[in-house]
Amino acid sequence: MVQLHEAQRRAEPIARYVAPESLQDALDALAAHGASARAVAGGTDLLLELSRGARAGVDTLVDLSVLEGLDAITLQDGRVELGPLVTHADVIASPLMTAAGLPLAQACLEVGGPQLRNRATVVGNIVTASPANDTISALYALDADVTVASAAGGSRTMAITDFVTGFRSTALDPAELVTKVSFDALTEQRRGVFVKLGLRRAQAISVVHAAVVVTENSDGTVDDLRVALGSVGATIEMIDAAAAVAVGRRLSEAADDAAAAARAAISPIDDLRATAEYRSAVAEVVVARALRALANGAEAAAWPERPPRLATAARGSSQARQNGDVSRNTQRERREITDDSAVTAVVNGVERRAAGAAGRTLLDWLRADLELTGTKEGCAEGECGACTVHLDGRAVLSCLVPAARADGTVITTVEGVAAPDGSLHPVQRAMAECGGVQCGFCTPGFVMSAAMLADEGSDWSREQLLHGLAGNLCRCTGYYSIIEALLGATAADDPEDAGGVNGGGSRTDGEMAACDTGKTARDAAESTAGESIHEAGR
């Protein structure tokens, strides 16, 4: 009998999707369904685990992302608090976070690409509890607390070092939800930084990453030092030995000794990304860089200017509700969706209804049930960006969104980007004229990201454009023509930089040198005069 590889085995389908009316209702739903239910917010980890059969026995999703008011980032009495629906994109866009929680903001910027960050939550990252998850080490270094609640047991708060109990395991009971993450805000005397080593510039799982928070005395000596290392063991590792050699000394003097102590304190793992020997060596380098940045006051030096979010609408301001396309109350009643239930969404300006959403991803639902096949499945893991669509004014990866989440939303796919008269969107025209189409498979995703970038703002620099497109992978490695199309340039100013999107590419001398007619993302923003892609596509 032929044995299938685990990647070939068909996962158990989700039979029921619950859209709760409140946080308490979500807790009640989890309690009612027991071990067969899982809470989902962004779903970027959970849906992948389900598709791989790593969550056997789960047939119900309780989706928190439909709830309002759980995505707040606040500062109360010197303490930063994050709600359970705060996404990585929310953290990156928050001036409070870059000032009071810089290591977490830097870690969030390293997670996936913009489309994934628009859905993935900080709480989801810590609940997955992988030692490679960037935000966990930042929260370790910040000495964060985690508050959880259940329908019957009230709430409890614990240190994040107690919340994570082992490799991909936490102290969270099946009927509990994380309701808050909090930590003391950074100050002039207490500063922090996050440094990561990956195998490529974006969309990279850490080889090693470090988060460091230092508290200094008035004379500039170290009062306390918290060093957290990730991707070196089964869990994030706190390096107490680094603090032991640094306390009482100036950080500039103690940096090399503390980094060496960090190397000596770990026994790294071997895996596909690196050997244990290599990890030991680069762990010292990563910690040293973090400490030197703090010693020089340069911890925020690499923070990008206005990083693109690929979003024009905040959570809770659904385009559907704004435009009156779909009747959806702000305080909605609980809805349970099965594959027999009809899901209604405004897709490319037209109200569409279809069943079969409970057990599908949004990508499969759009392609199989609505027959919108322009959106491509490239990896089904959220790494390539080929399946990018716009969901309520935000670019998302449709392979990692539950199809039932589409109920009551406004969606734009690549079929809806062009104007009603059939004329191409400026982004599409630019890519066609400058050879940015290439084999065409990744093109829909690039168009959707670039179109949202155009809607989001104008006057993007090359570096900002690279950040905006970091979630899109071109397997032809032909990023030059795509970048030049969207910049409207005649040739790459810096070939190495032009190839930086997801790792670069190549071209011969003079290729695309005559391409000076393409519209740029800036042109697209100006031509729509503030009108959204969703409206223009009707």
Protein backbone atom coordinates (compact mmCIF):
# COMPACT_ATOMS: atom_id res chain seq x y z
CA MET A 1 0.00 0.00 0.00
CA VAL A 2 1.35 3.41 -0.97
CA GLN A 3 1.97 5.73 1.95
CA LEU A 4 1.41 9.41 1.25
CA HIS A 5 3.75 12.08 2.54
CA GLU A 6 2.12 14.27 5.18
CA ALA A 7 2.05 17.16 2.70
CA GLN A 8 -0.03 14.99 0.33
CA ARG A 9 -2.58 13.87 2.88
CA ARG A 10 -5.93 15.58 2.84
CA ALA A 11 -6.49 17.55 6.03
CA GLU A 12 -9.70 17.23 7.99
CA PRO A 13 -12.04 19.98 6.74
CA ILE A 14 -13.44 22.68 8.96
CA ALA A 15 -17.17 22.08 9.31
CA ARG A 16 -18.21 25.18 11.22
CA TYR A 17 -17.12 28.82 11.31
CA VAL A 18 -18.37 30.95 14.19
CA ALA A 19 -18.46 34.74 13.95
CA PRO A 20 -19.11 35.77 17.58
CA GLU A 21 -20.93 38.93 18.61
CA SER A 22 -18.53 39.78 21.47
CA LEU A 23 -15.44 38.58 23.25
CA GLN A 24 -17.60 36.92 25.88
CA ASP A 25 -19.56 35.19 23.14
CA ALA A 26 -16.29 33.91 21.68
CA LEU A 27 -15.31 32.50 25.07
CA ASP A 28 -18.72 30.87 25.37
CA ALA A 29 -18.33 29.30 21.91
CA LEU A 30 -14.92 27.88 22.80
CA ALA A 31 -16.31 26.44 26.03
CA ALA A 32 -19.29 24.92 24.22
CA HIS A 33 -17.28 23.19 21.48
CA GLY A 34 -14.35 22.13 23.65
CA ALA A 35 -11.25 20.62 22.07
CA SER A 36 -12.81 20.62 18.59
CA ALA A 37 -12.75 24.44 18.44
CA ARG A 38 -9.87 26.86 17.92
CA ALA A 39 -9.85 30.62 18.09
CA VAL A 40 -8.57 32.40 14.99
CA ALA A 41 -7.66 36.05 14.51
CA GLY A 42 -5.25 36.48 11.62
CA GLY A 43 -5.17 32.74 11.04
CA THR A 44 -1.81 32.92 9.28
CA ASP A 45 -0.34 30.17 11.46
CA LEU A 46 -3.45 28.19 12.31
CA LEU A 47 -4.78 27.74 8.77
CA LEU A 48 -1.42 26.45 7.63
CA GLU A 49 -1.27 24.01 10.54
CA LEU A 50 -4.78 22.80 9.75
CA SER A 51 -3.96 22.30 6.08
CA ARG A 52 -0.97 20.16 7.08
CA GLY A 53 -3.01 18.06 9.46
CA ALA A 54 -1.10 19.33 12.49
CA ARG A 55 -4.33 20.13 14.37
CA ALA A 56 -6.22 16.85 14.31
CA GLY A 57 -9.77 16.87 15.63
CA VAL A 58 -10.43 20.57 15.01
CA ASP A 59 -13.66 21.19 13.10
CA THR A 60 -14.73 24.64 14.37
CA LEU A 61 -13.12 28.06 14.00
CA VAL A 62 -14.15 30.93 16.28
CA ASP A 63 -13.06 34.07 14.44
CA LEU A 64 -12.20 37.03 16.67
CA SER A 65 -11.30 39.28 13.75
CA VAL A 66 -14.95 40.21 13.20
CA LEU A 67 -15.04 41.97 16.59
CA GLU A 68 -14.56 45.70 17.11
CA GLY A 69 -12.37 47.41 19.68
CA LEU A 70 -9.84 44.66 20.35
CA ASP A 71 -7.01 46.18 18.31
CA ALA A 72 -6.12 49.08 20.59
CA ILE A 73 -2.56 50.03 21.53
CA THR A 74 -2.60 52.22 24.64
CA LEU A 75 -0.27 53.71 27.23
CA GLN A 76 -1.60 53.68 30.80
CA ASP A 77 0.55 54.84 33.73
CA GLY A 78 3.76 54.12 31.89
CA ARG A 79 2.64 50.70 30.70
CA VAL A 80 1.93 49.74 27.07
CA GLU A 81 -1.09 47.51 26.48
CA LEU A 82 -1.91 45.64 23.27
CA GLY A 83 -5.32 44.14 22.56
CA PRO A 84 -5.69 40.61 21.19
CA LEU A 85 -6.35 41.77 17.61
CA VAL A 86 -3.35 44.10 17.29
CA THR A 87 -1.65 43.09 14.06
CA HIS A 88 2.01 43.40 13.19
CA ALA A 89 1.00 46.16 10.78
CA ASP A 90 -0.76 48.02 13.61
CA VAL A 91 2.42 47.92 15.70
CA ILE A 92 4.60 49.14 12.81
CA ALA A 93 2.25 52.05 12.10
CA SER A 94 2.01 53.14 15.76
CA PRO A 95 4.22 56.09 16.80
CA LEU A 96 3.66 54.98 20.39
CA MET A 97 5.20 51.59 19.65
CA THR A 98 8.28 52.94 17.89
CA ALA A 99 8.89 55.20 20.90
CA ALA A 100 7.84 52.96 23.80
CA GLY A 101 8.32 49.46 22.37
CA LEU A 102 10.90 49.73 19.58
CA PRO A 103 12.16 46.10 19.77
CA LEU A 104 8.62 44.81 19.24
CA ALA A 105 8.04 47.20 16.33
CA GLN A 106 11.32 46.11 14.74
CA ALA A 107 10.41 42.46 15.23
CA CYS A 108 6.97 43.00 13.68
CA LEU A 109 8.60 44.56 10.61
CA GLU A 110 10.56 41.34 10.13
CA VAL A 111 7.45 39.13 10.06
CA GLY A 112 6.51 38.06 6.53
CA GLY A 113 5.46 40.77 4.11
CA PRO A 114 2.90 43.61 4.31
CA GLN A 115 -0.05 41.41 3.26
CA LEU A 116 0.66 38.87 5.98
CA ARG A 117 1.27 41.59 8.59
CA ASN A 118 -2.15 43.06 7.77
CA ARG A 119 -3.74 39.91 9.18
CA ALA A 120 -1.21 38.27 11.52
CA THR A 121 -1.50 39.33 15.16
CA VAL A 122 1.09 39.67 17.90
CA VAL A 123 -1.02 37.43 20.13
CA GLY A 124 -1.20 34.79 17.40
CA ASN A 125 2.58 34.86 17.15
CA ILE A 126 3.08 34.16 20.85
CA VAL A 127 0.32 31.53 20.99
CA THR A 128 2.06 29.58 18.22
CA ALA A 129 5.13 29.70 20.50
CA SER A 130 7.74 28.82 17.90
CA PRO A 131 11.26 29.80 19.03
CA ALA A 132 11.75 31.33 15.56
CA ASN A 133 8.83 33.74 16.04
CA ASP A 134 10.41 37.19 16.14
CA THR A 135 7.99 39.00 18.41
CA ILE A 136 8.35 36.54 21.29
CA SER A 137 11.99 37.41 21.93
CA ALA A 138 11.12 41.11 21.83
CA LEU A 139 8.42 40.56 24.46
CA TYR A 140 10.83 38.47 26.56
CA ALA A 141 13.35 41.31 26.55
CA LEU A 142 10.61 43.83 27.38
CA ASP A 143 9.57 41.63 30.35
CA ALA A 144 5.98 41.48 29.09
CA ASP A 145 2.94 40.05 30.83
CA VAL A 146 0.16 38.06 29.17
CA THR A 147 -3.46 38.17 30.38
CA VAL A 148 -5.79 35.30 29.49
CA ALA A 149 -9.50 34.76 30.14
CA SER A 150 -12.09 31.99 29.95
CA ALA A 151 -15.87 31.88 30.11
CA ALA A 152 -15.90 30.17 33.49
CA GLY A 153 -12.59 30.98 35.13
CA GLY A 154 -12.31 34.74 34.85
CA SER A 155 -8.87 36.08 33.93
CA ARG A 156 -5.28 35.53 35.00
CA THR A 157 -2.00 37.31 34.22
CA MET A 158 1.44 35.76 33.95
CA ALA A 159 4.90 36.67 32.69
CA ILE A 160 5.45 35.74 29.07
CA THR A 161 8.35 33.56 30.19
CA ASP A 162 5.77 31.49 32.09
CA PHE A 163 3.20 31.65 29.31
CA VAL A 164 5.53 29.86 26.86
CA THR A 165 6.06 26.43 28.41
CA GLY A 166 8.03 24.66 25.68
CA PHE A 167 8.42 24.14 21.94
CA ARG A 168 5.15 25.34 20.41
CA SER A 169 3.37 24.94 23.75
CA THR A 170 1.88 27.47 26.15
CA ALA A 171 0.01 27.66 29.43
CA LEU A 172 -3.17 28.58 27.53
CA ASP A 173 -6.05 26.20 28.23
CA PRO A 174 -8.26 25.18 25.24
CA ALA A 175 -11.17 27.33 26.46
CA GLU A 176 -9.02 30.41 27.14
CA LEU A 177 -8.15 33.43 25.02
CA VAL A 178 -5.31 35.92 25.38
CA THR A 179 -7.00 39.26 26.03
CA LYS A 180 -4.00 41.53 26.60
CA VAL A 181 -0.22 41.80 26.32
CA SER A 182 1.47 44.52 28.38
CA PHE A 183 4.93 45.80 29.28
CA ASP A 184 6.61 48.86 30.80
CA ALA A 185 7.22 51.57 28.22
CA LEU A 186 10.81 52.28 27.24
CA THR A 187 12.34 55.57 28.39
CA GLU A 188 15.57 57.52 27.88
CA GLN A 189 17.20 55.37 30.57
CA ARG A 190 15.61 52.10 29.38
CA ARG A 191 16.12 51.41 25.70
CA GLY A 192 15.88 48.40 23.43
CA VAL A 193 16.60 46.97 19.99
CA PHE A 194 15.85 43.87 17.89
CA VAL A 195 18.35 42.35 15.44
CA LYS A 196 17.68 39.44 13.10
CA LEU A 197 19.74 37.25 10.79
CA GLY A 198 17.79 35.54 8.01
CA LEU A 199 18.71 33.82 4.77
CA ARG A 200 17.10 36.48 2.63
CA ARG A 201 16.07 40.09 2.94
CA ALA A 202 12.37 39.51 3.55
CA GLN A 203 9.95 36.64 4.19
CA ALA A 204 12.71 34.84 6.10
CA ILE A 205 12.47 32.62 9.16
CA SER A 206 15.20 33.57 11.61
CA VAL A 207 18.51 31.79 11.65
CA VAL A 208 19.17 33.70 14.88
CA HIS A 209 17.51 36.76 16.31
CA ALA A 210 18.12 38.80 19.44
CA ALA A 211 16.16 41.34 21.44
CA VAL A 212 18.03 43.44 23.98
CA VAL A 213 16.75 45.93 26.54
CA VAL A 214 19.23 47.89 28.68
CA THR A 215 18.49 50.05 31.71
CA GLU A 216 21.23 52.57 32.50
CA ASN A 217 22.10 54.49 35.63
CA SER A 218 22.50 58.27 35.62
CA ASP A 219 26.28 57.86 35.20
CA GLY A 220 25.80 55.76 32.04
CA THR A 221 26.61 52.41 33.56
CA VAL A 222 24.37 49.39 33.09
CA ASP A 223 21.82 48.82 35.82
CA ASP A 224 20.06 45.91 34.07
CA LEU A 225 20.43 44.06 30.79
CA ARG A 226 17.90 41.67 29.29
CA VAL A 227 19.11 39.63 26.30
CA ALA A 228 16.69 37.23 24.61
CA LEU A 229 17.86 34.89 21.82
CA GLY A 230 15.54 33.12 19.39
CA SER A 231 16.03 30.21 16.96
CA VAL A 232 18.78 28.69 19.11
CA GLY A 233 16.74 26.23 21.16
CA ALA A 234 13.29 24.81 21.85
CA THR A 235 12.15 28.13 23.32
CA ILE A 236 13.39 31.71 23.47
CA GLU A 237 16.42 31.80 25.75
CA MET A 238 17.13 34.56 28.27
CA ILE A 239 20.88 35.09 28.60
CA ASP A 240 21.45 35.96 32.25
CA ALA A 241 25.21 35.58 31.80
CA ALA A 242 25.25 38.61 29.51
CA ALA A 243 23.73 40.77 32.22
CA ALA A 244 26.19 39.43 34.80
CA VAL A 245 29.21 40.74 32.88
CA ALA A 246 27.61 44.06 31.91
CA VAL A 247 26.04 45.40 35.11
CA GLY A 248 28.07 48.26 36.59
CA ARG A 249 29.99 48.89 33.36
CA ARG A 250 29.34 51.14 30.40
CA LEU A 251 27.64 49.22 27.64
CA SER A 252 30.27 50.24 25.10
CA GLU A 253 32.93 48.62 27.28
CA ALA A 254 30.92 45.52 28.12
CA ALA A 255 29.43 44.77 24.66
CA ASP A 256 32.04 42.28 23.47
CA ASP A 257 32.16 40.44 26.80
CA ALA A 258 28.37 40.23 26.99
CA ALA A 259 28.17 38.93 23.40
CA ALA A 260 30.79 36.30 24.16
CA ALA A 261 28.85 35.30 27.28
CA ALA A 262 25.73 34.88 25.14
CA ARG A 263 27.58 32.54 22.79
CA ALA A 264 28.90 30.48 25.68
CA ALA A 265 25.45 30.22 27.29
CA ILE A 266 23.66 28.54 24.39
CA SER A 267 23.67 25.07 22.86
CA PRO A 268 22.09 25.79 19.47
CA ILE A 269 20.09 23.45 17.32
CA ASP A 270 20.88 22.05 13.86
CA ASP A 271 18.19 22.43 11.20
CA LEU A 272 17.74 23.19 7.52
CA ARG A 273 18.57 26.87 8.00
CA ALA A 274 21.87 26.53 9.84
CA THR A 275 24.21 24.24 11.74
CA ALA A 276 24.68 24.52 15.48
CA GLU A 277 28.26 25.67 14.94
CA TYR A 278 27.16 28.48 12.64
CA ARG A 279 24.41 29.55 15.01
CA SER A 280 26.87 29.78 17.89
CA ALA A 281 29.13 32.03 15.87
CA VAL A 282 26.46 34.34 14.52
CA ALA A 283 24.60 34.55 17.84
CA GLU A 284 27.64 36.34 19.23
CA VAL A 285 27.70 38.65 16.21
CA VAL A 286 23.97 39.44 16.43
CA VAL A 287 24.14 40.22 20.16
CA ALA A 288 27.25 42.34 19.68
CA ARG A 289 25.54 44.39 16.96
CA ALA A 290 22.51 44.94 19.17
CA LEU A 291 24.64 46.04 22.13
CA ARG A 292 26.78 48.36 20.03
CA ALA A 293 23.70 49.97 18.50
CA LEU A 294 22.37 50.66 21.99
CA ALA A 295 25.76 51.91 23.20
CA ASN A 296 25.89 54.36 20.28
CA GLY A 297 22.26 55.47 20.66
CA ALA A 298 21.61 54.12 17.16
CA GLU A 299 18.95 51.54 17.97
CA ALA A 300 16.41 53.24 15.68
CA ALA A 301 18.85 54.19 12.92
CA ALA A 302 17.65 51.51 10.51
CA TRP A 303 13.93 52.12 11.02
CA PRO A 304 12.49 52.86 7.56
CA GLU A 305 10.71 56.10 6.77
CA ARG A 306 6.95 55.62 6.40
CA PRO A 307 6.98 51.85 5.72
CA PRO A 308 4.12 51.01 3.33
CA ARG A 309 1.28 49.06 4.90
CA LEU A 310 -0.69 48.19 1.75
CA ALA A 311 -3.86 49.37 3.44
CA THR A 312 -6.22 52.29 3.03
CA ALA A 313 -8.85 51.37 5.63
CA ALA A 314 -8.46 50.73 9.34
CA ARG A 315 -10.13 47.81 11.06
CA GLY A 316 -13.75 48.55 11.84
CA SER A 317 -14.20 50.89 8.86
CA SER A 318 -15.38 48.29 6.40
CA GLN A 319 -15.79 49.61 2.86
CA ALA A 320 -18.97 47.57 2.73
CA ARG A 321 -20.50 49.47 5.62
CA GLN A 322 -19.23 52.82 4.37
CA ASN A 323 -20.76 52.32 0.94
CA GLY A 324 -23.91 50.63 2.11
CA ASP A 325 -23.31 47.66 -0.17
CA VAL A 326 -24.01 44.97 2.40
CA SER A 327 -26.26 45.26 5.42
CA ARG A 328 -24.03 44.60 8.40
CA ASN A 329 -24.64 45.97 11.87
CA THR A 330 -21.68 47.11 13.98
CA GLN A 331 -23.06 45.01 16.84
CA ARG A 332 -23.93 41.86 14.99
CA GLU A 333 -25.42 38.67 16.32
CA ARG A 334 -23.43 35.48 16.37
CA ARG A 335 -23.45 33.69 13.05
CA GLU A 336 -22.44 30.10 12.47
CA ILE A 337 -21.47 29.26 8.91
CA THR A 338 -21.30 25.76 7.49
CA ASP A 339 -20.64 24.69 3.92
CA ASP A 340 -24.39 24.85 3.33
CA SER A 341 -24.58 28.51 4.39
CA ALA A 342 -24.52 31.26 1.79
CA VAL A 343 -21.81 33.88 2.23
CA THR A 344 -22.39 37.33 0.75
CA ALA A 345 -19.67 39.77 -0.26
CA VAL A 346 -19.24 42.64 -2.69
CA VAL A 347 -16.61 41.33 -5.08
CA ASN A 348 -15.24 43.67 -7.75
CA GLY A 349 -18.20 45.95 -7.25
CA VAL A 350 -20.87 43.26 -7.58
CA GLU A 351 -22.69 41.51 -4.75
CA ARG A 352 -21.91 37.82 -4.92
CA ARG A 353 -23.33 34.92 -2.91
CA ALA A 354 -21.98 31.40 -2.67
CA ALA A 355 -21.92 28.52 -0.23
CA GLY A 356 -19.03 26.18 0.49
CA ALA A 357 -17.10 28.69 2.55
CA ALA A 358 -16.73 26.96 5.93
CA GLY A 359 -14.12 24.45 4.86
CA ARG A 360 -12.25 26.58 2.33
CA THR A 361 -9.72 29.35 2.25
CA LEU A 362 -10.69 32.63 0.63
CA LEU A 363 -8.39 31.74 -2.26
CA ASP A 364 -10.19 28.46 -2.98
CA TRP A 365 -13.62 30.06 -2.54
CA LEU A 366 -12.83 32.84 -5.02
CA ARG A 367 -11.42 30.45 -7.59
CA ALA A 368 -13.75 27.43 -7.25
CA ASP A 369 -17.06 28.98 -6.22
CA LEU A 370 -16.91 32.46 -7.78
CA GLU A 371 -14.76 31.33 -10.74
CA LEU A 372 -12.36 34.25 -10.33
CA THR A 373 -9.22 32.42 -11.40
CA GLY A 374 -6.97 35.45 -11.86
CA THR A 375 -5.87 35.07 -8.24
CA LYS A 376 -3.17 32.39 -8.22
CA GLU A 377 -2.06 29.77 -5.73
CA GLY A 378 1.71 29.86 -5.69
CA CYS A 379 2.67 28.31 -2.37
CA ALA A 380 -0.49 28.04 -0.19
CA GLU A 381 1.76 29.02 2.72
CA GLY A 382 1.64 32.82 2.64
CA GLU A 383 5.17 33.20 1.28
CA CYS A 384 4.82 34.13 -2.39
CA GLY A 385 2.07 36.78 -2.57
CA ALA A 386 0.54 35.39 -5.79
CA CYS A 387 -2.86 35.12 -4.08
CA THR A 388 -2.98 38.76 -2.89
CA VAL A 389 -6.43 40.36 -2.90
CA HIS A 390 -7.91 43.43 -1.24
CA LEU A 391 -10.21 42.74 1.70
CA ASP A 392 -11.99 45.77 3.16
CA GLY A 393 -9.27 48.13 2.04
CA ARG A 394 -6.27 45.99 3.01
CA ALA A 395 -4.06 43.74 0.91
CA VAL A 396 -4.16 40.20 2.33
CA LEU A 397 -3.01 36.72 1.38
CA SER A 398 -6.19 34.91 0.42
CA CYS A 399 -4.61 31.48 0.98
CA LEU A 400 -4.44 32.30 4.72
CA VAL A 401 -7.90 33.84 5.19
CA PRO A 402 -10.92 31.67 6.07
CA ALA A 403 -13.41 31.97 3.22
CA ALA A 404 -16.26 32.56 5.68
CA ARG A 405 -14.46 35.74 6.80
CA ALA A 406 -15.58 37.22 3.46
CA ASP A 407 -19.17 37.46 4.69
CA GLY A 408 -20.22 41.11 4.67
CA THR A 409 -16.97 42.45 3.24
CA VAL A 410 -15.78 44.21 0.09
CA ILE A 411 -13.20 42.28 -1.94
CA THR A 412 -11.21 43.30 -5.00
CA THR A 413 -9.38 40.69 -7.06
CA VAL A 414 -7.15 41.28 -10.07
CA GLU A 415 -10.23 41.01 -12.30
CA GLY A 416 -11.61 44.16 -10.66
CA VAL A 417 -8.56 46.44 -10.84
CA ALA A 418 -9.15 47.71 -14.39
CA ALA A 419 -11.77 50.38 -15.04
CA PRO A 420 -15.31 49.35 -16.09
CA ASP A 421 -14.60 50.37 -19.68
CA GLY A 422 -11.80 47.82 -19.82
CA SER A 423 -8.92 50.29 -19.79
CA LEU A 424 -5.99 49.10 -17.72
CA HIS A 425 -5.13 50.48 -14.34
CA PRO A 426 -1.92 52.58 -14.53
CA VAL A 427 -0.06 49.86 -12.62
CA GLN A 428 -1.15 47.20 -15.12
CA ARG A 429 -0.22 49.43 -18.05
CA ALA A 430 3.22 50.13 -16.60
CA MET A 431 3.99 46.46 -16.09
CA ALA A 432 2.89 45.60 -19.63
CA GLU A 433 4.92 48.39 -21.21
CA CYS A 434 8.09 47.72 -19.21
CA GLY A 435 8.13 43.94 -19.41
CA GLY A 436 7.11 43.50 -15.80
CA VAL A 437 4.68 40.73 -16.72
CA GLN A 438 7.31 38.06 -17.53
CA CYS A 439 5.88 34.52 -17.16
CA GLY A 440 2.73 36.03 -15.64
CA PHE A 441 2.08 33.70 -12.73
CA CYS A 442 3.13 36.12 -10.00
CA THR A 443 1.78 39.13 -11.90
CA PRO A 444 -1.72 39.26 -10.33
CA GLY A 445 -0.19 39.43 -6.87
CA PHE A 446 2.25 42.15 -7.86
CA VAL A 447 -0.57 44.14 -9.49
CA MET A 448 -2.72 43.88 -6.37
CA SER A 449 0.12 44.97 -4.07
CA ALA A 450 1.17 47.80 -6.35
CA ALA A 451 -2.40 49.00 -6.82
CA MET A 452 -2.89 49.15 -3.05
CA LEU A 453 0.44 50.92 -2.73
CA ALA A 454 -0.85 53.50 -5.21
CA ASP A 455 -4.04 53.95 -3.22
CA GLU A 456 -2.14 54.20 0.05
CA GLY A 457 0.04 57.15 -0.93
CA SER A 458 2.34 58.74 -3.44
CA ASP A 459 5.97 59.79 -3.86
CA TRP A 460 7.27 56.42 -2.74
CA SER A 461 11.04 56.04 -2.85
CA ARG A 462 12.71 52.96 -4.29
CA GLU A 463 13.40 51.66 -0.78
CA GLN A 464 9.76 52.17 0.25
CA LEU A 465 8.60 50.40 -2.92
CA LEU A 466 10.83 47.46 -2.06
CA HIS A 467 9.27 47.32 1.40
CA GLY A 468 5.79 47.44 -0.14
CA LEU A 469 6.52 44.57 -2.53
CA ALA A 470 8.49 42.44 -0.05
CA GLY A 471 5.56 40.04 0.29
CA ASN A 472 5.59 39.16 -3.43
CA LEU A 473 7.92 36.53 -4.86
CA CYS A 474 8.88 36.37 -8.54
CA ARG A 475 10.14 32.90 -9.42
CA CYS A 476 11.60 34.22 -12.68
CA THR A 477 13.91 36.34 -10.46
CA GLY A 478 13.11 39.27 -12.73
CA TYR A 479 12.43 42.01 -10.24
CA TYR A 480 14.26 44.67 -12.24
CA SER A 481 11.53 45.19 -14.82
CA ILE A 482 8.81 45.12 -12.17
CA ILE A 483 10.56 47.70 -10.02
CA GLU A 484 11.37 49.91 -12.99
CA ALA A 485 7.81 49.68 -14.25
CA LEU A 486 6.44 50.87 -10.93
CA LEU A 487 9.05 53.58 -10.49
CA GLY A 488 8.77 54.70 -14.11
CA ALA A 489 12.58 54.80 -14.36
CA THR A 490 14.53 54.10 -17.55
CA ALA A 491 17.15 51.94 -15.84
CA ALA A 492 18.10 50.77 -12.37
CA ASP A 493 20.17 53.32 -10.47
CA ASP A 494 21.63 50.55 -8.35
CA PRO A 495 21.31 47.03 -9.80
CA GLU A 496 22.00 45.41 -6.44
CA ASP A 497 19.28 47.47 -4.78
CA ALA A 498 16.85 46.91 -7.63
CA GLY A 499 17.19 43.20 -7.15
CA GLY A 500 16.57 43.44 -3.44
CA VAL A 501 12.91 42.51 -3.47
CA ASN A 502 12.86 39.00 -2.02
CA GLY A 503 16.41 38.34 -3.02
CA GLY A 504 17.14 39.92 -6.37
CA GLY A 505 17.40 38.89 -10.00
CA SER A 506 19.45 39.55 -13.08
CA ARG A 507 19.28 41.34 -16.38
CA THR A 508 21.56 42.04 -19.29
CA ASP A 509 23.04 45.45 -19.98
CA GLY A 510 20.52 47.76 -21.57
CA GLU A 511 17.49 45.61 -20.83
CA MET A 512 14.44 47.83 -20.33
CA ALA A 513 16.69 50.86 -20.88
CA ALA A 514 14.10 52.32 -23.25
CA CYS A 515 11.24 51.88 -20.82
CA ASP A 516 10.36 55.47 -20.07
CA THR A 517 6.64 55.44 -20.79
CA GLY A 518 5.32 53.37 -17.89
CA LYS A 519 3.11 54.87 -15.22
CA THR A 520 4.45 54.74 -11.69
CA ALA A 521 2.70 53.98 -8.45
CA ARG A 522 2.81 57.74 -7.86
CA ASP A 523 1.09 58.37 -11.23
CA ALA A 524 -1.59 55.86 -10.29
CA ALA A 525 -2.28 57.60 -7.00
CA GLU A 526 -2.57 60.97 -8.73
CA SER A 527 -4.72 59.64 -11.57
CA THR A 528 -7.31 58.19 -9.22
CA ALA A 529 -7.40 61.50 -7.31
CA GLY A 530 -8.10 59.77 -4.05
CA GLU A 531 -10.77 57.49 -5.49
CA SER A 532 -10.31 53.97 -4.13
CA ILE A 533 -9.57 50.97 -6.29
CA HIS A 534 -12.81 49.48 -5.01
CA GLU A 535 -14.84 52.35 -6.41
CA ALA A 536 -12.84 52.62 -9.64
CA GLY A 537 -13.38 48.94 -10.38
CA ARG A 538 -17.18 49.14 -10.40
